[in-house]
Amino acid sequence: MQEKAKLLDVETIARSLMRIAHEILEHNRGSQNLAIVGIRSRGAHLARRLAECIKKIDNKEIPVGILDITLYRDDLTLLAAQPVVHKTEINFDIQDKNIILVDDVLYTGRTIRCALSELIDFGRPKSIQLAVLVDRGHRELPIRADYVGKNIPTSQDEMVEVHLAEVDGKDEVVIVER
């Protein structure tokens, strides 16, 4: 695979998350009754960063959880003979909360469908809103993000790679060609 273009760097990722935090607070009229849940792995890191942005704006701690959707995937048998399952960590009651579900890239919508199924198994939130760093299009399911860092039109031959300092040692979003 060959890198085709660098779309976001450390500054633009930080600005995008801060803008999303402002949009979340405006839409929800503050941070009361909010909780953030990130989809493992990069969505979880973005969820923590988003909670920090909200804290800077509203001076309130927001509960943050992590979903591992491995067992909810419809392509589980295609992933590996022994897929690695990590722990889902939601240490708060989601009942009647406004949940901000966070992922790095929105593509077909299948990952989000899995996350919604798992999240509902934890209770009945008041609402679930979706925040993504990148929306690249090509939906296979009727799912859309409420908050988007950047819309990036792509072809099916391209992949969007999100690199985060917590995992990859640097913050950037790049398009690579197969």
C-alpha atoms as a PDB file:
ATOM      1  CA  MET A   1       0.000   0.000   0.000  1.00  0.00           C
ATOM      2  CA  GLN A   2       1.189   3.453  -0.876  1.00  0.00           C
ATOM      3  CA  GLU A   3       0.369   6.712   0.873  1.00  0.00           C
ATOM      4  CA  LYS A   4      -1.581   8.948  -1.485  1.00  0.00           C
ATOM      5  CA  ALA A   5      -2.323  12.003   0.673  1.00  0.00           C
ATOM      6  CA  LYS A   6      -2.004  13.300   4.218  1.00  0.00           C
ATOM      7  CA  LEU A   7      -5.371  14.788   5.179  1.00  0.00           C
ATOM      8  CA  LEU A   8      -5.088  15.714   8.847  1.00  0.00           C
ATOM      9  CA  ASP A   9      -2.135  16.389  11.127  1.00  0.00           C
ATOM     10  CA  VAL A  10      -1.822  16.788  14.881  1.00  0.00           C
ATOM     11  CA  GLU A  11      -3.186  20.354  14.858  1.00  0.00           C
ATOM     12  CA  THR A  12      -6.152  19.678  12.583  1.00  0.00           C
ATOM     13  CA  ILE A  13      -7.114  16.578  14.564  1.00  0.00           C
ATOM     14  CA  ALA A  14      -7.034  18.597  17.801  1.00  0.00           C
ATOM     15  CA  ARG A  15      -9.084  21.413  16.216  1.00  0.00           C
ATOM     16  CA  SER A  16     -11.608  18.928  14.839  1.00  0.00           C
ATOM     17  CA  LEU A  17     -12.090  17.330  18.265  1.00  0.00           C
ATOM     18  CA  MET A  18     -12.486  20.726  19.933  1.00  0.00           C
ATOM     19  CA  ARG A  19     -15.074  21.756  17.325  1.00  0.00           C
ATOM     20  CA  ILE A  20     -16.964  18.477  17.810  1.00  0.00           C
ATOM     21  CA  ALA A  21     -16.902  19.062  21.597  1.00  0.00           C
ATOM     22  CA  HIS A  22     -18.450  22.519  21.102  1.00  0.00           C
ATOM     23  CA  GLU A  23     -21.113  21.047  18.791  1.00  0.00           C
ATOM     24  CA  ILE A  24     -21.948  18.308  21.319  1.00  0.00           C
ATOM     25  CA  LEU A  25     -22.321  20.827  24.142  1.00  0.00           C
ATOM     26  CA  GLU A  26     -24.465  23.117  22.016  1.00  0.00           C
ATOM     27  CA  HIS A  27     -26.723  20.307  20.806  1.00  0.00           C
ATOM     28  CA  ASN A  28     -27.148  18.828  24.291  1.00  0.00           C
ATOM     29  CA  ARG A  29     -27.361  22.214  26.054  1.00  0.00           C
ATOM     30  CA  GLY A  30     -24.338  21.485  28.209  1.00  0.00           C
ATOM     31  CA  SER A  31     -22.635  18.415  29.590  1.00  0.00           C
ATOM     32  CA  GLN A  32     -25.257  17.344  32.108  1.00  0.00           C
ATOM     33  CA  ASN A  33     -26.390  13.753  31.514  1.00  0.00           C
ATOM     34  CA  LEU A  34     -23.671  13.145  28.883  1.00  0.00           C
ATOM     35  CA  ALA A  35     -21.411  10.111  28.645  1.00  0.00           C
ATOM     36  CA  ILE A  36     -18.914   9.163  25.959  1.00  0.00           C
ATOM     37  CA  VAL A  37     -18.268   5.633  24.700  1.00  0.00           C
ATOM     38  CA  GLY A  38     -15.444   4.909  22.262  1.00  0.00           C
ATOM     39  CA  ILE A  39     -15.168   1.900  19.987  1.00  0.00           C
ATOM     40  CA  ARG A  40     -11.925   0.033  20.582  1.00  0.00           C
ATOM     41  CA  SER A  41      -9.248   0.835  19.691  1.00  0.00           C
ATOM     42  CA  ARG A  42      -8.791   4.251  18.101  1.00  0.00           C
ATOM     43  CA  GLY A  43     -12.354   5.317  18.893  1.00  0.00           C
ATOM     44  CA  ALA A  44     -11.566   4.745  22.574  1.00  0.00           C
ATOM     45  CA  HIS A  45      -8.565   7.097  22.402  1.00  0.00           C
ATOM     46  CA  LEU A  46     -10.603   9.707  20.546  1.00  0.00           C
ATOM     47  CA  ALA A  47     -13.367   9.367  23.170  1.00  0.00           C
ATOM     48  CA  ARG A  48     -10.890  10.190  25.959  1.00  0.00           C
ATOM     49  CA  ARG A  49      -9.603  13.187  24.020  1.00  0.00           C
ATOM     50  CA  LEU A  50     -13.154  14.381  23.358  1.00  0.00           C
ATOM     51  CA  ALA A  51     -13.961  14.143  27.071  1.00  0.00           C
ATOM     52  CA  GLU A  52     -10.874  16.272  27.783  1.00  0.00           C
ATOM     53  CA  CYS A  53     -12.037  18.866  25.250  1.00  0.00           C
ATOM     54  CA  ILE A  54     -15.469  18.993  26.878  1.00  0.00           C
ATOM     55  CA  LYS A  55     -13.822  19.378  30.291  1.00  0.00           C
ATOM     56  CA  LYS A  56     -11.773  22.339  28.995  1.00  0.00           C
ATOM     57  CA  ILE A  57     -14.930  24.027  27.710  1.00  0.00           C
ATOM     58  CA  ASP A  58     -17.475  23.147  30.410  1.00  0.00           C
ATOM     59  CA  ASN A  59     -15.166  22.351  33.366  1.00  0.00           C
ATOM     60  CA  LYS A  60     -16.981  19.060  34.047  1.00  0.00           C
ATOM     61  CA  GLU A  61     -15.804  15.448  34.022  1.00  0.00           C
ATOM     62  CA  ILE A  62     -17.719  13.270  31.560  1.00  0.00           C
ATOM     63  CA  PRO A  63     -17.810   9.486  32.090  1.00  0.00           C
ATOM     64  CA  VAL A  64     -15.943   7.616  29.352  1.00  0.00           C
ATOM     65  CA  GLY A  65     -16.427   3.974  28.408  1.00  0.00           C
ATOM     66  CA  ILE A  66     -14.907   1.600  25.864  1.00  0.00           C
ATOM     67  CA  LEU A  67     -16.741  -0.917  23.670  1.00  0.00           C
ATOM     68  CA  ASP A  68     -15.137  -3.983  22.153  1.00  0.00           C
ATOM     69  CA  ILE A  69     -17.511  -5.017  19.367  1.00  0.00           C
ATOM     70  CA  THR A  70     -15.642  -8.168  18.285  1.00  0.00           C
ATOM     71  CA  LEU A  71     -18.374 -10.626  19.311  1.00  0.00           C
ATOM     72  CA  TYR A  72     -21.090  -8.468  17.722  1.00  0.00           C
ATOM     73  CA  ARG A  73     -19.526  -8.406  14.245  1.00  0.00           C
ATOM     74  CA  ASP A  74     -21.367 -10.041  11.363  1.00  0.00           C
ATOM     75  CA  ASP A  75     -18.020 -10.970   9.766  1.00  0.00           C
ATOM     76  CA  LEU A  76     -16.489 -12.589  12.859  1.00  0.00           C
ATOM     77  CA  THR A  77     -15.638 -15.828  11.048  1.00  0.00           C
ATOM     78  CA  LEU A  78     -13.843 -13.861   8.319  1.00  0.00           C
ATOM     79  CA  LEU A  79     -11.597 -11.995  10.773  1.00  0.00           C
ATOM     80  CA  ALA A  80      -9.531 -14.881  12.104  1.00  0.00           C
ATOM     81  CA  ALA A  81      -9.828 -18.442  13.335  1.00  0.00           C
ATOM     82  CA  GLN A  82      -9.337 -17.161  16.900  1.00  0.00           C
ATOM     83  CA  PRO A  83     -10.333 -13.479  16.997  1.00  0.00           C
ATOM     84  CA  VAL A  84      -8.903 -11.496  19.898  1.00  0.00           C
ATOM     85  CA  VAL A  85     -11.636 -10.239  22.218  1.00  0.00           C
ATOM     86  CA  HIS A  86     -10.856  -7.377  24.570  1.00  0.00           C
ATOM     87  CA  LYS A  87     -12.833  -6.140  27.520  1.00  0.00           C
ATOM     88  CA  THR A  88     -15.721  -3.724  27.190  1.00  0.00           C
ATOM     89  CA  GLU A  89     -15.360  -1.128  29.935  1.00  0.00           C
ATOM     90  CA  ILE A  90     -18.508   0.815  30.774  1.00  0.00           C
ATOM     91  CA  ASN A  91     -18.336   1.514  34.503  1.00  0.00           C
ATOM     92  CA  PHE A  92     -21.408   3.750  34.685  1.00  0.00           C
ATOM     93  CA  ASP A  93     -25.142   3.376  34.198  1.00  0.00           C
ATOM     94  CA  ILE A  94     -26.161   4.369  30.657  1.00  0.00           C
ATOM     95  CA  GLN A  95     -29.858   4.452  31.523  1.00  0.00           C
ATOM     96  CA  ASP A  96     -31.428   7.760  30.407  1.00  0.00           C
ATOM     97  CA  LYS A  97     -28.024   9.240  29.459  1.00  0.00           C
ATOM     98  CA  ASN A  98     -27.154  10.993  26.212  1.00  0.00           C
ATOM     99  CA  ILE A  99     -24.408   8.729  24.907  1.00  0.00           C
ATOM    100  CA  ILE A 100     -21.845  10.032  22.440  1.00  0.00           C
ATOM    101  CA  LEU A 101     -20.568   7.001  20.528  1.00  0.00           C
ATOM    102  CA  VAL A 102     -17.102   7.699  19.077  1.00  0.00           C
ATOM    103  CA  ASP A 103     -15.185   6.024  16.261  1.00  0.00           C
ATOM    104  CA  ASP A 104     -12.293   7.044  14.057  1.00  0.00           C
ATOM    105  CA  VAL A 105     -13.683   6.322  10.559  1.00  0.00           C
ATOM    106  CA  LEU A 106     -17.266   5.885   9.372  1.00  0.00           C
ATOM    107  CA  TYR A 107     -17.357   3.741   6.247  1.00  0.00           C
ATOM    108  CA  THR A 108     -20.034   1.104   5.573  1.00  0.00           C
ATOM    109  CA  GLY A 109     -21.838   1.605   8.895  1.00  0.00           C
ATOM    110  CA  ARG A 110     -21.440  -2.024   9.968  1.00  0.00           C
ATOM    111  CA  THR A 111     -19.089  -1.231  12.870  1.00  0.00           C
ATOM    112  CA  ILE A 112     -21.583   1.303  14.216  1.00  0.00           C
ATOM    113  CA  ARG A 113     -24.452  -1.205  13.894  1.00  0.00           C
ATOM    114  CA  CYS A 114     -22.446  -3.650  16.019  1.00  0.00           C
ATOM    115  CA  ALA A 115     -21.670  -0.949  18.575  1.00  0.00           C
ATOM    116  CA  LEU A 116     -25.337   0.061  18.831  1.00  0.00           C
ATOM    117  CA  SER A 117     -26.341  -3.564  19.441  1.00  0.00           C
ATOM    118  CA  GLU A 118     -23.788  -3.974  22.203  1.00  0.00           C
ATOM    119  CA  LEU A 119     -24.539  -0.608  23.785  1.00  0.00           C
ATOM    120  CA  ILE A 120     -28.257  -1.373  24.006  1.00  0.00           C
ATOM    121  CA  ASP A 121     -27.361  -4.573  25.900  1.00  0.00           C
ATOM    122  CA  PHE A 122     -26.117  -2.294  28.709  1.00  0.00           C
ATOM    123  CA  GLY A 123     -29.419  -0.448  29.110  1.00  0.00           C
ATOM    124  CA  ARG A 124     -31.671   2.128  27.527  1.00  0.00           C
ATOM    125  CA  PRO A 125     -29.958   5.465  26.986  1.00  0.00           C
ATOM    126  CA  LYS A 126     -32.018   8.593  26.385  1.00  0.00           C
ATOM    127  CA  SER A 127     -30.172   9.047  23.071  1.00  0.00           C
ATOM    128  CA  ILE A 128     -27.157   7.770  21.177  1.00  0.00           C
ATOM    129  CA  GLN A 129     -25.308  10.302  19.041  1.00  0.00           C
ATOM    130  CA  LEU A 130     -22.438   9.389  16.730  1.00  0.00           C
ATOM    131  CA  ALA A 131     -19.167  11.331  16.518  1.00  0.00           C
ATOM    132  CA  VAL A 132     -16.469  10.326  14.026  1.00  0.00           C
ATOM    133  CA  LEU A 133     -13.158  11.877  13.108  1.00  0.00           C
ATOM    134  CA  VAL A 134     -13.549  10.934   9.421  1.00  0.00           C
ATOM    135  CA  ASP A 135     -16.599  10.106   7.290  1.00  0.00           C
ATOM    136  CA  ARG A 136     -15.439   8.516   4.034  1.00  0.00           C
ATOM    137  CA  GLY A 137     -18.830   7.590   2.575  1.00  0.00           C
ATOM    138  CA  HIS A 138     -19.769   4.245   0.942  1.00  0.00           C
ATOM    139  CA  ARG A 139     -22.552   3.371   3.386  1.00  0.00           C
ATOM    140  CA  GLU A 140     -24.109  -0.096   3.282  1.00  0.00           C
ATOM    141  CA  LEU A 141     -26.490   0.632   6.163  1.00  0.00           C
ATOM    142  CA  PRO A 142     -28.667   3.705   6.868  1.00  0.00           C
ATOM    143  CA  ILE A 143     -26.313   5.209   9.452  1.00  0.00           C
ATOM    144  CA  ARG A 144     -25.001   8.775   9.589  1.00  0.00           C
ATOM    145  CA  ALA A 145     -22.805  10.667  12.008  1.00  0.00           C
ATOM    146  CA  ASP A 146     -24.146  13.546  14.101  1.00  0.00           C
ATOM    147  CA  TYR A 147     -20.669  15.048  14.484  1.00  0.00           C
ATOM    148  CA  VAL A 148     -17.919  14.733  11.856  1.00  0.00           C
ATOM    149  CA  GLY A 149     -14.347  15.986  12.006  1.00  0.00           C
ATOM    150  CA  LYS A 150     -13.850  15.795   8.248  1.00  0.00           C
ATOM    151  CA  ASN A 151     -15.785  14.381   5.298  1.00  0.00           C
ATOM    152  CA  ILE A 152     -13.356  12.708   2.918  1.00  0.00           C
ATOM    153  CA  PRO A 153     -14.704  11.381  -0.382  1.00  0.00           C
ATOM    154  CA  THR A 154     -12.820   8.206  -1.264  1.00  0.00           C
ATOM    155  CA  SER A 155     -12.857   5.485  -3.884  1.00  0.00           C
ATOM    156  CA  GLN A 156     -13.300   1.826  -2.998  1.00  0.00           C
ATOM    157  CA  ASP A 157      -9.606   1.291  -3.866  1.00  0.00           C
ATOM    158  CA  GLU A 158      -8.500   3.719  -1.173  1.00  0.00           C
ATOM    159  CA  MET A 159      -8.227   3.235   2.570  1.00  0.00           C
ATOM    160  CA  VAL A 160      -8.291   5.885   5.270  1.00  0.00           C
ATOM    161  CA  GLU A 161      -5.722   5.267   7.996  1.00  0.00           C
ATOM    162  CA  VAL A 162      -5.987   7.110  11.293  1.00  0.00           C
ATOM    163  CA  HIS A 163      -2.765   7.171  13.279  1.00  0.00           C
ATOM    164  CA  LEU A 164      -2.947   8.306  16.894  1.00  0.00           C
ATOM    165  CA  ALA A 165      -0.067   8.998  19.256  1.00  0.00           C
ATOM    166  CA  GLU A 166      -1.426   6.540  21.861  1.00  0.00           C
ATOM    167  CA  VAL A 167      -1.174   3.644  19.378  1.00  0.00           C
ATOM    168  CA  ASP A 168       1.048   4.736  16.508  1.00  0.00           C
ATOM    169  CA  GLY A 169       3.330   7.370  18.034  1.00  0.00           C
ATOM    170  CA  LYS A 170       1.948  10.197  15.863  1.00  0.00           C
ATOM    171  CA  ASP A 171      -1.324  11.924  15.011  1.00  0.00           C
ATOM    172  CA  GLU A 172      -2.329  11.979  11.362  1.00  0.00           C
ATOM    173  CA  VAL A 173      -4.958  10.825   8.890  1.00  0.00           C
ATOM    174  CA  VAL A 174      -3.756   9.569   5.508  1.00  0.00           C
ATOM    175  CA  ILE A 175      -5.285   8.018   2.407  1.00  0.00           C
ATOM    176  CA  VAL A 176      -3.469   4.985   1.065  1.00  0.00           C
ATOM    177  CA  GLU A 177      -4.054   3.127  -2.194  1.00  0.00           C
ATOM    178  CA  ARG A 178      -4.184  -0.630  -2.401  1.00  0.00           C
END
